[in-house]
Each structure stands twice: as C-alpha cells, then as structure tokens.
Amino acid sequence: MDDRYYILEDGEQTGPFSLDELIDQEPDIHARVLSPEENAWKDACDLPELYDYFRARGIYFPTETNLASPLVRLGAFAIDFILAGIIWELVILLLSSRGVLPNIDTLLRVYALGKLSAHDMMVMEMVVYLTLIIYNTLGEASAMKASIGKRICGLIVVNADGEGISLLIALARSLGKVVSISFWFIPFISIFWTEHRQTLHDFLAKTYVIKRDA
C-alpha cells in the first residue's frame, strides 16, 4: 500500500509513488494528492504523513495539538512587555534630552502626580503604541515568525497554511493588539473559548499562535 500515492498535475494523474518518492517530488502545500488511506484527492497539507516534510521546510500547520495555551501566551506577552518597556524608557530618555519632553526627573514627578500635560501625555502614549507596533511587527514578520517573548516560549505565528506571515499582515496584527490593549485587554479573553484559541488580533489578521516543536 505504501507505493500508491498519486499526484494530480494539470488535470493529469501521475504515480504511483512511495511516500519517499512523493516527498522527492517536493509537493507544495496545495498539491493535490491521493493517498492509500483516502478515497478522495486532498491538499498535501492535509496529509499527516507529510507534516514532518513541511516542518523541515519551515511550514507549521495549526492543529488541535499544537495551539499555544493561554498561560504560555501570557508568559510570552509578559516577556515582550518587559522588553518593550526597556525600549520605551530609552526613547523617552532620548526625547527628554532633545526637549520634546520635560527632563526625566520632572517628567516622572509630574506623571506620578497625575498632572502631565495633554501634549506630554500624547507623546508618551505614541511612544508606547509605536514601540509595541514596531517591536511585534518586525519580530513576527521575520524569519523567527515570532516576537522575542514568543520565541523564548517556543511559539510562532502562522497563517492558515502554516506559513510565516508577511510584513503587512504582521502590521495589521500588531495594530489589532494595540486596539485590544486600549480597550483594557478585554478582546484578549476570546482566547479562552474560541476553537483555535484566537484573540481579536488573530481574527483580524487570520493568524494562529502555535507551539513550534509540538
């Protein structure tokens, strides 16, 4: 039975192939394949025996067993928040030294008293949001497929085809995350009941957060 894989190319059936011979054909995720265990043609990405082949090519399909848990995602978010906070502080120090914001001692004192001017508050909020957007976008659109926090926690962000996401999709996802944060993190709670453990920004960008080595 192992030598009965077939590939549909331009409407023509080729084969039979063993599993190794099928892999030698280097099928892409949407190649139509008929396997010994199936009675109908399927995309190559839907055949579990090809998962290792695709994983070796950097393609990780979201499945029920490899979706990231809310607890692990929370840990990754905490790491990212700390790292982004360091960047915020450096940017604010730079802006203070350039006169865009008051000197840091004054800024901290006024902020603690809740008497920050509308201009200074707007600048600080812009620093926070832009830092988050740039930090997450560059990480998730890179070869890592993840922010540093996700990488440390063994997570990656993929699309429905198991591939890494583009810069534009990563930007849309990051913008959605900032919107969720501005609404007191409420849109994040959908991770607890949605089928694929997706938050609002996952739905907007059509992405999935999965465990890389699962």
C-alpha atoms as a PDB file:
ATOM      1  CA  MET A   1       0.000   0.000   0.000  1.00  0.00           C
ATOM      2  CA  ASP A   2       2.966   2.352   0.531  1.00  0.00           C
ATOM      3  CA  ASP A   3       3.542   2.731  -3.206  1.00  0.00           C
ATOM      4  CA  ARG A   4       0.134   4.095  -4.058  1.00  0.00           C
ATOM      5  CA  TYR A   5       0.400   7.833  -3.716  1.00  0.00           C
ATOM      6  CA  TYR A   6      -0.677   9.822  -6.761  1.00  0.00           C
ATOM      7  CA  ILE A   7      -0.322  13.485  -7.656  1.00  0.00           C
ATOM      8  CA  LEU A   8      -2.743  15.454  -9.817  1.00  0.00           C
ATOM      9  CA  GLU A   9      -0.860  17.823 -12.127  1.00  0.00           C
ATOM     10  CA  ASP A  10      -2.696  19.960 -14.686  1.00  0.00           C
ATOM     11  CA  GLY A  11      -5.633  17.594 -14.511  1.00  0.00           C
ATOM     12  CA  GLU A  12      -3.460  14.518 -15.117  1.00  0.00           C
ATOM     13  CA  GLN A  13      -2.706  11.809 -12.573  1.00  0.00           C
ATOM     14  CA  THR A  14       0.935  10.857 -12.040  1.00  0.00           C
ATOM     15  CA  GLY A  15       2.283   7.974  -9.991  1.00  0.00           C
ATOM     16  CA  PRO A  16       2.180   5.662  -8.188  1.00  0.00           C
ATOM     17  CA  PHE A  17       4.810   6.846  -5.698  1.00  0.00           C
ATOM     18  CA  SER A  18       6.038   5.561  -2.391  1.00  0.00           C
ATOM     19  CA  LEU A  19       5.979   8.126   0.423  1.00  0.00           C
ATOM     20  CA  ASP A  20       9.684   8.830  -0.068  1.00  0.00           C
ATOM     21  CA  GLU A  21       9.190   9.189  -3.825  1.00  0.00           C
ATOM     22  CA  LEU A  22       6.270  11.518  -3.205  1.00  0.00           C
ATOM     23  CA  ILE A  23       8.468  13.702  -0.993  1.00  0.00           C
ATOM     24  CA  ASP A  24      11.142  13.685  -3.717  1.00  0.00           C
ATOM     25  CA  GLN A  25       8.556  15.401  -5.930  1.00  0.00           C
ATOM     26  CA  GLU A  26       8.672  18.326  -3.457  1.00  0.00           C
ATOM     27  CA  PRO A  27       4.916  18.941  -3.421  1.00  0.00           C
ATOM     28  CA  ASP A  28       3.744  22.323  -2.210  1.00  0.00           C
ATOM     29  CA  ILE A  29       1.015  22.685   0.392  1.00  0.00           C
ATOM     30  CA  HIS A  30      -1.776  22.829  -2.198  1.00  0.00           C
ATOM     31  CA  ALA A  31      -0.587  19.943  -4.396  1.00  0.00           C
ATOM     32  CA  ARG A  32      -3.475  17.535  -4.904  1.00  0.00           C
ATOM     33  CA  VAL A  33      -2.532  14.088  -3.603  1.00  0.00           C
ATOM     34  CA  LEU A  34      -4.375  10.767  -3.394  1.00  0.00           C
ATOM     35  CA  SER A  35      -3.029   8.657  -0.545  1.00  0.00           C
ATOM     36  CA  PRO A  36      -3.520   4.917   0.159  1.00  0.00           C
ATOM     37  CA  GLU A  37      -5.654   5.810   3.172  1.00  0.00           C
ATOM     38  CA  GLU A  38      -8.043   8.132   1.330  1.00  0.00           C
ATOM     39  CA  ASN A  39     -10.742   7.766  -1.298  1.00  0.00           C
ATOM     40  CA  ALA A  40     -10.581  11.393  -2.409  1.00  0.00           C
ATOM     41  CA  TRP A  41      -7.923  13.849  -3.527  1.00  0.00           C
ATOM     42  CA  LYS A  42      -6.599  16.101  -0.775  1.00  0.00           C
ATOM     43  CA  ASP A  43      -4.212  19.007  -0.499  1.00  0.00           C
ATOM     44  CA  ALA A  44      -0.771  17.801   0.547  1.00  0.00           C
ATOM     45  CA  CYS A  45      -1.028  19.935   3.678  1.00  0.00           C
ATOM     46  CA  ASP A  46      -3.954  17.788   4.858  1.00  0.00           C
ATOM     47  CA  LEU A  47      -1.930  14.560   4.945  1.00  0.00           C
ATOM     48  CA  PRO A  48      -0.408  13.967   8.423  1.00  0.00           C
ATOM     49  CA  GLU A  49       2.395  11.815   6.997  1.00  0.00           C
ATOM     50  CA  LEU A  50       3.722  14.909   5.203  1.00  0.00           C
ATOM     51  CA  TYR A  51       3.792  17.126   8.291  1.00  0.00           C
ATOM     52  CA  ASP A  52       7.463  16.383   9.016  1.00  0.00           C
ATOM     53  CA  TYR A  53       8.347  17.151   5.397  1.00  0.00           C
ATOM     54  CA  PHE A  54       6.617  20.525   5.569  1.00  0.00           C
ATOM     55  CA  ARG A  55       8.025  21.259   9.030  1.00  0.00           C
ATOM     56  CA  ALA A  56      11.519  20.772   7.617  1.00  0.00           C
ATOM     57  CA  ARG A  57      10.634  23.464   5.098  1.00  0.00           C
ATOM     58  CA  GLY A  58       9.573  25.861   7.857  1.00  0.00           C
ATOM     59  CA  ILE A  59       5.826  25.262   7.495  1.00  0.00           C
ATOM     60  CA  TYR A  60       3.951  24.525  10.736  1.00  0.00           C
ATOM     61  CA  PHE A  61       0.256  23.773  10.377  1.00  0.00           C
ATOM     62  CA  PRO A  62      -2.071  24.874  13.195  1.00  0.00           C
ATOM     63  CA  THR A  63      -3.712  21.775  14.677  1.00  0.00           C
ATOM     64  CA  GLU A  64      -5.642  20.914  17.817  1.00  0.00           C
ATOM     65  CA  THR A  65      -2.477  19.576  19.448  1.00  0.00           C
ATOM     66  CA  ASN A  66      -0.071  22.437  18.809  1.00  0.00           C
ATOM     67  CA  LEU A  67      -2.137  25.541  19.569  1.00  0.00           C
ATOM     68  CA  ALA A  68      -0.478  27.674  22.236  1.00  0.00           C
ATOM     69  CA  SER A  69      -2.187  27.651  25.615  1.00  0.00           C
ATOM     70  CA  PRO A  70      -3.427  30.907  27.176  1.00  0.00           C
ATOM     71  CA  LEU A  71      -0.906  30.530  30.035  1.00  0.00           C
ATOM     72  CA  VAL A  72       2.097  30.205  27.710  1.00  0.00           C
ATOM     73  CA  ARG A  73       0.884  33.123  25.593  1.00  0.00           C
ATOM     74  CA  LEU A  74       0.517  35.194  28.753  1.00  0.00           C
ATOM     75  CA  GLY A  75       4.106  34.371  29.676  1.00  0.00           C
ATOM     76  CA  ALA A  76       5.308  35.406  26.220  1.00  0.00           C
ATOM     77  CA  PHE A  77       3.315  38.644  26.473  1.00  0.00           C
ATOM     78  CA  ALA A  78       4.873  39.415  29.862  1.00  0.00           C
ATOM     79  CA  ILE A  79       8.384  38.953  28.467  1.00  0.00           C
ATOM     80  CA  ASP A  80       7.574  41.162  25.472  1.00  0.00           C
ATOM     81  CA  PHE A  81       6.038  43.805  27.725  1.00  0.00           C
ATOM     82  CA  ILE A  82       9.220  43.976  29.812  1.00  0.00           C
ATOM     83  CA  LEU A  83      11.444  44.199  26.737  1.00  0.00           C
ATOM     84  CA  ALA A  84       9.219  46.794  25.100  1.00  0.00           C
ATOM     85  CA  GLY A  85       9.246  48.733  28.393  1.00  0.00           C
ATOM     86  CA  ILE A  86      13.024  48.995  28.207  1.00  0.00           C
ATOM     87  CA  ILE A  87      12.718  50.407  24.695  1.00  0.00           C
ATOM     88  CA  TRP A  88      10.037  52.873  25.857  1.00  0.00           C
ATOM     89  CA  GLU A  89      12.316  54.173  28.575  1.00  0.00           C
ATOM     90  CA  LEU A  90      15.216  54.630  26.176  1.00  0.00           C
ATOM     91  CA  VAL A  91      13.036  56.510  23.689  1.00  0.00           C
ATOM     92  CA  ILE A  92      11.563  58.717  26.411  1.00  0.00           C
ATOM     93  CA  LEU A  93      15.065  59.491  27.707  1.00  0.00           C
ATOM     94  CA  LEU A  94      16.064  60.451  24.170  1.00  0.00           C
ATOM     95  CA  LEU A  95      13.013  62.682  23.739  1.00  0.00           C
ATOM     96  CA  SER A  96      13.679  64.294  27.110  1.00  0.00           C
ATOM     97  CA  SER A  97      17.278  65.050  26.131  1.00  0.00           C
ATOM     98  CA  ARG A  98      16.043  66.661  22.917  1.00  0.00           C
ATOM     99  CA  GLY A  99      13.485  68.845  24.695  1.00  0.00           C
ATOM    100  CA  VAL A 100      10.452  67.105  23.215  1.00  0.00           C
ATOM    101  CA  LEU A 101       9.528  66.046  26.757  1.00  0.00           C
ATOM    102  CA  PRO A 102      10.483  67.578  30.132  1.00  0.00           C
ATOM    103  CA  ASN A 103      13.672  66.263  31.746  1.00  0.00           C
ATOM    104  CA  ILE A 104      13.184  62.796  33.124  1.00  0.00           C
ATOM    105  CA  ASP A 105      13.084  63.773  36.827  1.00  0.00           C
ATOM    106  CA  THR A 106      10.396  66.358  36.191  1.00  0.00           C
ATOM    107  CA  LEU A 107       8.529  64.000  33.905  1.00  0.00           C
ATOM    108  CA  LEU A 108       8.424  61.222  36.478  1.00  0.00           C
ATOM    109  CA  ARG A 109       7.368  63.583  39.261  1.00  0.00           C
ATOM    110  CA  VAL A 110       4.587  65.189  37.216  1.00  0.00           C
ATOM    111  CA  TYR A 111       3.416  61.806  35.911  1.00  0.00           C
ATOM    112  CA  ALA A 112       3.241  60.421  39.453  1.00  0.00           C
ATOM    113  CA  LEU A 113       1.079  63.373  40.493  1.00  0.00           C
ATOM    114  CA  GLY A 114      -1.246  62.807  37.530  1.00  0.00           C
ATOM    115  CA  LYS A 115      -0.601  66.324  36.211  1.00  0.00           C
ATOM    116  CA  LEU A 116       1.042  65.504  32.909  1.00  0.00           C
ATOM    117  CA  SER A 117       0.130  67.990  30.183  1.00  0.00           C
ATOM    118  CA  ALA A 118      -2.040  66.843  27.287  1.00  0.00           C
ATOM    119  CA  HIS A 119       0.920  67.243  24.910  1.00  0.00           C
ATOM    120  CA  ASP A 120       3.297  65.187  27.046  1.00  0.00           C
ATOM    121  CA  MET A 121       0.672  62.521  27.631  1.00  0.00           C
ATOM    122  CA  MET A 122       0.029  62.263  23.898  1.00  0.00           C
ATOM    123  CA  VAL A 123       3.744  61.944  23.142  1.00  0.00           C
ATOM    124  CA  MET A 124       4.202  59.235  25.760  1.00  0.00           C
ATOM    125  CA  GLU A 125       1.194  57.280  24.508  1.00  0.00           C
ATOM    126  CA  MET A 126       2.518  57.498  20.958  1.00  0.00           C
ATOM    127  CA  VAL A 127       5.887  56.166  22.125  1.00  0.00           C
ATOM    128  CA  VAL A 128       4.210  53.244  23.882  1.00  0.00           C
ATOM    129  CA  TYR A 129       1.943  52.278  20.979  1.00  0.00           C
ATOM    130  CA  LEU A 130       4.520  52.789  18.227  1.00  0.00           C
ATOM    131  CA  THR A 131       7.082  50.777  20.163  1.00  0.00           C
ATOM    132  CA  LEU A 132       4.649  47.883  20.552  1.00  0.00           C
ATOM    133  CA  ILE A 133       3.631  48.011  16.902  1.00  0.00           C
ATOM    134  CA  ILE A 134       7.175  48.120  15.538  1.00  0.00           C
ATOM    135  CA  TYR A 135       8.505  45.565  18.051  1.00  0.00           C
ATOM    136  CA  ASN A 136       5.825  42.964  17.301  1.00  0.00           C
ATOM    137  CA  THR A 137       5.604  43.611  13.568  1.00  0.00           C
ATOM    138  CA  LEU A 138       9.310  43.196  12.901  1.00  0.00           C
ATOM    139  CA  GLY A 139       9.560  40.062  15.038  1.00  0.00           C
ATOM    140  CA  GLU A 140       6.523  38.271  13.641  1.00  0.00           C
ATOM    141  CA  ALA A 141       7.332  39.110  10.007  1.00  0.00           C
ATOM    142  CA  SER A 142      10.941  37.970  10.414  1.00  0.00           C
ATOM    143  CA  ALA A 143      12.410  34.503   9.914  1.00  0.00           C
ATOM    144  CA  MET A 144      11.711  33.865  13.638  1.00  0.00           C
ATOM    145  CA  LYS A 145       7.964  34.144  12.957  1.00  0.00           C
ATOM    146  CA  ALA A 146       7.646  35.496  16.493  1.00  0.00           C
ATOM    147  CA  SER A 147       8.404  38.295  18.887  1.00  0.00           C
ATOM    148  CA  ILE A 148      11.295  37.673  21.283  1.00  0.00           C
ATOM    149  CA  GLY A 149       8.890  36.691  24.064  1.00  0.00           C
ATOM    150  CA  LYS A 150       7.141  34.152  21.858  1.00  0.00           C
ATOM    151  CA  ARG A 151      10.470  32.822  20.657  1.00  0.00           C
ATOM    152  CA  ILE A 152      11.649  32.279  24.237  1.00  0.00           C
ATOM    153  CA  CYS A 153       8.397  30.441  24.986  1.00  0.00           C
ATOM    154  CA  GLY A 154       8.704  28.260  21.870  1.00  0.00           C
ATOM    155  CA  LEU A 155       5.827  29.895  19.986  1.00  0.00           C
ATOM    156  CA  ILE A 156       5.438  31.118  16.417  1.00  0.00           C
ATOM    157  CA  VAL A 157       2.739  32.987  14.482  1.00  0.00           C
ATOM    158  CA  VAL A 158       1.494  31.392  11.258  1.00  0.00           C
ATOM    159  CA  ASN A 159      -1.338  31.728   8.763  1.00  0.00           C
ATOM    160  CA  ALA A 160      -3.911  29.033   7.983  1.00  0.00           C
ATOM    161  CA  ASP A 161      -1.447  27.356   5.601  1.00  0.00           C
ATOM    162  CA  GLY A 162       1.195  27.059   8.312  1.00  0.00           C
ATOM    163  CA  GLU A 163       3.445  29.659   6.727  1.00  0.00           C
ATOM    164  CA  GLY A 164       5.022  32.743   8.266  1.00  0.00           C
ATOM    165  CA  ILE A 165       3.138  35.995   7.847  1.00  0.00           C
ATOM    166  CA  SER A 166       4.006  38.971   5.677  1.00  0.00           C
ATOM    167  CA  LEU A 167       5.048  42.377   6.949  1.00  0.00           C
ATOM    168  CA  LEU A 168       1.607  43.782   6.088  1.00  0.00           C
ATOM    169  CA  ILE A 169      -0.232  41.023   7.959  1.00  0.00           C
ATOM    170  CA  ALA A 170       2.127  41.378  10.919  1.00  0.00           C
ATOM    171  CA  LEU A 171       1.411  45.117  10.952  1.00  0.00           C
ATOM    172  CA  ALA A 172      -2.346  44.508  10.900  1.00  0.00           C
ATOM    173  CA  ARG A 173      -1.973  42.020  13.751  1.00  0.00           C
ATOM    174  CA  SER A 174       0.092  44.480  15.796  1.00  0.00           C
ATOM    175  CA  LEU A 175      -2.419  47.265  15.223  1.00  0.00           C
ATOM    176  CA  GLY A 176      -5.201  44.936  16.378  1.00  0.00           C
ATOM    177  CA  LYS A 177      -3.216  44.124  19.512  1.00  0.00           C
ATOM    178  CA  VAL A 178      -2.804  47.814  20.331  1.00  0.00           C
ATOM    179  CA  VAL A 179      -6.555  48.323  19.892  1.00  0.00           C
ATOM    180  CA  SER A 180      -7.189  45.438  22.279  1.00  0.00           C
ATOM    181  CA  ILE A 181      -4.810  46.915  24.862  1.00  0.00           C
ATOM    182  CA  SER A 182      -6.523  50.298  24.623  1.00  0.00           C
ATOM    183  CA  PHE A 183      -9.819  48.550  25.479  1.00  0.00           C
ATOM    184  CA  TRP A 184      -8.390  47.281  28.776  1.00  0.00           C
ATOM    185  CA  PHE A 185      -7.314  43.922  27.280  1.00  0.00           C
ATOM    186  CA  ILE A 186     -10.954  42.780  27.042  1.00  0.00           C
ATOM    187  CA  PRO A 187     -10.647  41.449  23.439  1.00  0.00           C
ATOM    188  CA  PHE A 188      -7.874  39.117  24.632  1.00  0.00           C
ATOM    189  CA  ILE A 189     -10.277  36.941  26.631  1.00  0.00           C
ATOM    190  CA  SER A 190     -11.703  35.321  23.494  1.00  0.00           C
ATOM    191  CA  ILE A 191      -8.632  33.065  23.646  1.00  0.00           C
ATOM    192  CA  PHE A 192     -10.410  31.035  26.349  1.00  0.00           C
ATOM    193  CA  TRP A 193     -13.411  29.915  24.279  1.00  0.00           C
ATOM    194  CA  THR A 194     -12.619  30.233  20.567  1.00  0.00           C
ATOM    195  CA  GLU A 195     -11.931  26.992  18.705  1.00  0.00           C
ATOM    196  CA  HIS A 196      -8.384  27.916  17.716  1.00  0.00           C
ATOM    197  CA  ARG A 197      -7.560  29.985  20.822  1.00  0.00           C
ATOM    198  CA  GLN A 198      -7.588  33.206  18.842  1.00  0.00           C
ATOM    199  CA  THR A 199      -7.729  36.750  20.161  1.00  0.00           C
ATOM    200  CA  LEU A 200      -9.223  39.705  18.296  1.00  0.00           C
ATOM    201  CA  HIS A 201      -5.943  40.498  16.545  1.00  0.00           C
ATOM    202  CA  ASP A 202      -5.627  36.847  15.486  1.00  0.00           C
ATOM    203  CA  PHE A 203      -9.076  37.010  13.900  1.00  0.00           C
ATOM    204  CA  LEU A 204      -8.303  40.302  12.160  1.00  0.00           C
ATOM    205  CA  ALA A 205      -5.034  39.003  10.699  1.00  0.00           C
ATOM    206  CA  LYS A 206      -6.249  35.395  10.255  1.00  0.00           C
ATOM    207  CA  THR A 207      -3.300  34.088  12.232  1.00  0.00           C
ATOM    208  CA  TYR A 208      -2.645  31.305  14.724  1.00  0.00           C
ATOM    209  CA  VAL A 209      -0.157  31.105  17.574  1.00  0.00           C
ATOM    210  CA  ILE A 210       1.278  27.610  17.858  1.00  0.00           C
ATOM    211  CA  LYS A 211       3.971  25.673  19.693  1.00  0.00           C
ATOM    212  CA  ARG A 212       6.865  25.302  17.283  1.00  0.00           C
ATOM    213  CA  ASP A 213       8.086  21.889  18.452  1.00  0.00           C
ATOM    214  CA  ALA A 214       4.729  20.249  19.134  1.00  0.00           C
END
